[in-house]
Amino acid sequence: MAALVALVCGCSSPPAPRTAPPEAPPPAAPVPPPSAPDDGPSAGDIARANPQVSPAVARAIEQVLRQPSDHPRAAVLDFSAHSITPRFHLIDRASGRVLQTFRVAHGQGSEGSRNDGQAEVFSNVPNSNASSLGLYRTAETYVSEVYPGLAMRMDGLSPTNSNARSRFIVIHAARYMEPESWKGKKAGRPGLSDGCFVFSKADRDVVVSSLQGGALIYAIYEKP
């Protein structure tokens, strides 16, 4: 039954005018970094190895690399970056280097009043259609019938994303993340999900193959 519900509750939303959800989720409270042992590369070391990332992302990489994990890779998702900007950073845990960076959608419930492609609000509440911050661990893959193709479930490890599995917050692909669906259009930016981490098909394939099997993903937001 759970699998059937998951197929029905997939994420979707094109970059088109939309009505606000019945009850807006509250503004995001600051998310404390996950607890970590005092070892591993520092944020300064990571920043020097990855001069292209922001200080906030370097700090988040430092935190996620200090979490216990047997997986060779991890990721940091910087929701403070605009949705048109590649903001999902795939990381090699051994070196702390960013291997690739991808565009990813945020939830329509996170879009905020300006509707400008900038995430502003985050929620762990069911039916908020918002993205959630915090630490995730990737789980099983499956074939979605809502968005035909590969998808991957995630478990939320923080109080701010503990409902990720019951909300069916997954990694999948959607047409509204393909550049040809939004480049040159009036909105000029990718679409919105219902809270899932949504990629183009090609990027989804890389992300799933790189992170399946228990990798950690740390979703952050540092207000500009």
Protein backbone atom coordinates (compact mmCIF):
# COMPACT_ATOMS: atom_id res chain seq x y z
CA MET A 1 0.00 0.00 0.00
CA ALA A 2 2.85 2.42 0.85
CA ALA A 3 4.37 1.91 -2.60
CA LEU A 4 0.99 2.67 -4.21
CA VAL A 5 0.61 5.85 -2.18
CA ALA A 6 4.11 6.91 -3.17
CA LEU A 7 3.21 6.60 -6.82
CA VAL A 8 0.14 8.76 -6.34
CA CYS A 9 1.91 11.45 -4.28
CA GLY A 10 4.71 12.34 -6.67
CA CYS A 11 6.14 15.84 -6.89
CA SER A 12 5.21 18.21 -9.66
CA SER A 13 4.71 21.82 -10.60
CA PRO A 14 5.66 23.71 -13.78
CA PRO A 15 6.88 27.32 -13.57
CA ALA A 16 3.40 28.73 -14.14
CA PRO A 17 1.00 30.90 -12.10
CA ARG A 18 -0.32 28.99 -9.15
CA THR A 19 -2.51 29.47 -6.11
CA ALA A 20 -0.95 29.56 -2.66
CA PRO A 21 -1.27 26.46 -0.48
CA PRO A 22 -4.19 26.61 1.99
CA GLU A 23 -1.87 27.27 4.90
CA ALA A 24 1.57 28.75 4.31
CA PRO A 25 4.37 26.98 6.16
CA PRO A 26 6.15 29.09 8.78
CA PRO A 27 9.43 30.84 7.92
CA ALA A 28 12.47 28.65 8.32
CA ALA A 29 14.09 28.58 11.72
CA PRO A 30 17.88 28.38 11.77
CA VAL A 31 19.00 24.76 11.39
CA PRO A 32 21.85 23.80 13.72
CA PRO A 33 24.64 21.91 11.99
CA PRO A 34 24.69 18.18 12.63
CA SER A 35 26.86 17.18 15.57
CA ALA A 36 30.31 16.12 14.47
CA PRO A 37 33.54 14.81 15.93
CA ASP A 38 36.48 17.20 15.89
CA ASP A 39 38.33 15.75 12.94
CA GLY A 40 38.38 15.92 9.16
CA PRO A 41 39.22 18.86 6.89
CA SER A 42 38.35 22.36 8.05
CA ALA A 43 36.09 24.75 6.16
CA GLY A 44 39.23 26.69 5.22
CA ASP A 45 40.85 23.60 3.72
CA ILE A 46 37.65 22.83 1.80
CA ALA A 47 37.34 26.42 0.55
CA ARG A 48 40.91 26.31 -0.76
CA ALA A 49 40.21 23.00 -2.51
CA ASN A 50 36.95 24.35 -3.96
CA PRO A 51 37.35 28.09 -4.65
CA GLN A 52 34.12 28.08 -6.66
CA VAL A 53 31.87 27.44 -3.65
CA SER A 54 30.53 29.95 -1.14
CA PRO A 55 31.74 30.07 2.48
CA ALA A 56 28.37 28.66 3.57
CA VAL A 57 28.78 25.65 1.27
CA ALA A 58 32.37 25.13 2.46
CA ARG A 59 31.13 25.06 6.06
CA ALA A 60 28.35 22.63 5.12
CA ILE A 61 30.84 20.34 3.36
CA GLU A 62 32.99 20.40 6.48
CA GLN A 63 29.99 19.34 8.58
CA VAL A 64 28.79 16.57 6.29
CA LEU A 65 32.28 15.10 5.91
CA ARG A 66 32.56 14.83 9.68
CA GLN A 67 29.43 12.66 9.90
CA PRO A 68 30.07 8.90 10.13
CA SER A 69 29.53 7.30 6.73
CA ASP A 70 30.95 4.37 4.78
CA HIS A 71 29.81 5.87 1.48
CA PRO A 72 32.58 7.36 -0.70
CA ARG A 73 30.50 10.38 -1.69
CA ALA A 74 28.16 12.96 -0.14
CA ALA A 75 26.31 16.07 -1.28
CA VAL A 76 25.42 19.58 -0.13
CA LEU A 77 22.33 21.36 -1.45
CA ASP A 78 22.46 25.15 -1.07
CA PHE A 79 18.86 26.40 -1.15
CA SER A 80 20.02 30.00 -0.70
CA ALA A 81 21.16 29.98 -4.34
CA HIS A 82 18.62 30.84 -7.07
CA SER A 83 16.93 27.88 -8.77
CA ILE A 84 18.58 28.71 -12.09
CA THR A 85 22.00 28.26 -10.44
CA PRO A 86 23.58 24.81 -10.12
CA ARG A 87 23.40 24.33 -6.35
CA PHE A 88 23.51 20.59 -5.62
CA HIS A 89 27.18 19.80 -4.97
CA LEU A 90 28.38 16.19 -5.31
CA ILE A 91 31.40 15.67 -3.05
CA ASP A 92 34.20 13.13 -2.83
CA ARG A 93 34.51 12.32 0.86
CA ALA A 94 38.16 11.29 0.70
CA SER A 95 39.41 14.60 -0.70
CA GLY A 96 36.59 17.02 0.15
CA ARG A 97 36.48 18.14 -3.46
CA VAL A 98 33.32 19.01 -5.32
CA LEU A 99 33.07 16.56 -8.22
CA GLN A 100 30.03 18.01 -10.04
CA THR A 101 27.28 20.53 -9.41
CA PHE A 102 23.69 20.30 -10.70
CA ARG A 103 20.50 22.34 -10.90
CA VAL A 104 17.77 21.08 -8.60
CA ALA A 105 14.22 22.26 -7.97
CA HIS A 106 12.84 23.45 -4.66
CA GLY A 107 9.26 23.00 -3.50
CA GLN A 108 6.50 25.37 -4.56
CA GLY A 109 5.72 25.88 -0.87
CA SER A 110 9.24 27.24 -0.43
CA GLU A 111 8.98 29.81 -3.20
CA GLY A 112 7.85 32.71 -1.05
CA SER A 113 5.66 35.69 -1.92
CA ARG A 114 7.92 37.06 -4.67
CA ASN A 115 7.63 33.95 -6.85
CA ASP A 116 11.04 34.70 -8.34
CA GLY A 117 12.88 31.38 -8.20
CA GLN A 118 14.34 32.03 -4.78
CA ALA A 119 13.50 29.67 -1.93
CA GLU A 120 12.50 31.55 1.22
CA VAL A 121 10.36 29.21 3.38
CA PHE A 122 11.01 25.64 4.50
CA SER A 123 8.80 23.12 6.24
CA ASN A 124 8.68 19.55 7.51
CA VAL A 125 4.87 19.60 7.57
CA PRO A 126 2.89 17.17 5.35
CA ASN A 127 1.08 18.82 2.43
CA SER A 128 3.16 22.01 2.73
CA ASN A 129 4.75 21.28 -0.68
CA ALA A 130 7.88 22.86 0.75
CA SER A 131 11.50 21.77 0.78
CA SER A 132 13.02 20.71 4.10
CA LEU A 133 16.45 21.56 5.44
CA GLY A 134 18.82 19.26 7.29
CA LEU A 135 20.72 16.01 6.89
CA TYR A 136 19.36 13.19 4.70
CA ARG A 137 20.52 9.65 3.97
CA THR A 138 19.75 8.11 0.58
CA ALA A 139 17.71 4.92 0.64
CA GLU A 140 16.22 2.50 -1.86
CA THR A 141 15.69 3.16 -5.55
CA TYR A 142 12.52 2.32 -7.46
CA VAL A 143 10.80 2.97 -10.78
CA SER A 144 8.30 5.81 -10.54
CA GLU A 145 5.06 5.65 -12.50
CA VAL A 146 4.23 9.30 -11.81
CA TYR A 147 7.48 10.45 -13.42
CA PRO A 148 8.45 7.39 -15.44
CA GLY A 149 11.97 6.37 -14.59
CA LEU A 150 14.38 5.93 -11.77
CA ALA A 151 13.73 7.54 -8.39
CA MET A 152 15.42 7.27 -5.00
CA ARG A 153 13.90 7.60 -1.56
CA MET A 154 15.56 9.48 1.29
CA ASP A 155 15.34 9.40 5.07
CA GLY A 156 15.46 12.65 7.02
CA LEU A 157 17.95 12.54 9.90
CA SER A 158 17.23 16.01 11.35
CA PRO A 159 14.21 17.39 13.25
CA THR A 160 13.66 19.72 10.30
CA ASN A 161 13.24 16.88 7.76
CA SER A 162 12.14 13.90 9.86
CA ASN A 163 8.97 13.47 7.78
CA ALA A 164 10.84 13.10 4.49
CA ARG A 165 9.91 9.46 3.97
CA SER A 166 6.25 9.82 4.99
CA ARG A 167 5.99 12.92 2.76
CA PHE A 168 7.50 10.93 -0.14
CA ILE A 169 10.33 13.43 -0.57
CA VAL A 170 12.46 11.64 -3.17
CA ILE A 171 15.02 12.26 -5.88
CA HIS A 172 13.53 12.03 -9.37
CA ALA A 173 13.56 13.71 -12.78
CA ALA A 174 10.92 15.89 -14.42
CA ARG A 175 10.52 17.64 -17.73
CA TYR A 176 10.33 21.07 -16.05
CA MET A 177 14.00 20.69 -15.14
CA GLU A 178 15.09 20.11 -18.74
CA PRO A 179 16.65 23.36 -20.07
CA GLU A 180 14.53 23.31 -23.23
CA SER A 181 11.38 23.53 -21.09
CA TRP A 182 12.29 26.84 -19.42
CA LYS A 183 15.07 28.61 -21.33
CA GLY A 184 13.70 31.53 -23.31
CA LYS A 185 10.29 31.28 -21.63
CA LYS A 186 8.68 34.15 -19.75
CA ALA A 187 9.55 32.74 -16.33
CA GLY A 188 13.09 32.03 -17.51
CA ARG A 189 13.80 29.51 -14.78
CA PRO A 190 13.21 25.86 -13.90
CA GLY A 191 9.94 24.63 -12.43
CA LEU A 192 8.94 23.82 -8.87
CA SER A 193 8.45 20.51 -7.12
CA ASP A 194 6.14 19.51 -4.28
CA GLY A 195 9.20 19.27 -2.02
CA CYS A 196 11.20 16.60 -3.86
CA PHE A 197 14.78 17.02 -5.10
CA VAL A 198 14.04 17.14 -8.82
CA PHE A 199 16.69 17.12 -11.57
CA SER A 200 16.88 16.83 -15.33
CA LYS A 201 16.90 13.22 -16.50
CA ALA A 202 20.63 13.15 -17.24
CA ASP A 203 21.52 14.81 -13.94
CA ARG A 204 19.17 12.50 -12.03
CA ASP A 205 20.99 9.50 -13.45
CA VAL A 206 24.36 10.80 -12.28
CA VAL A 207 23.08 11.80 -8.85
CA VAL A 208 21.34 8.48 -8.18
CA SER A 209 24.23 6.35 -9.42
CA SER A 210 26.71 8.43 -7.38
CA LEU A 211 24.74 8.58 -4.12
CA GLN A 212 22.63 5.43 -3.91
CA GLY A 213 23.28 3.14 -0.99
CA GLY A 214 23.31 5.38 2.09
CA ALA A 215 25.11 8.59 1.10
CA LEU A 216 24.55 11.74 3.17
CA ILE A 217 22.98 14.89 1.71
CA TYR A 218 22.99 18.13 3.71
CA ALA A 219 20.40 20.72 2.62
CA ILE A 220 21.21 24.22 3.88
CA TYR A 221 19.92 27.76 3.64
CA GLU A 222 21.84 30.83 4.71
CA LYS A 223 19.81 33.97 4.17
CA PRO A 224 21.69 36.43 1.94
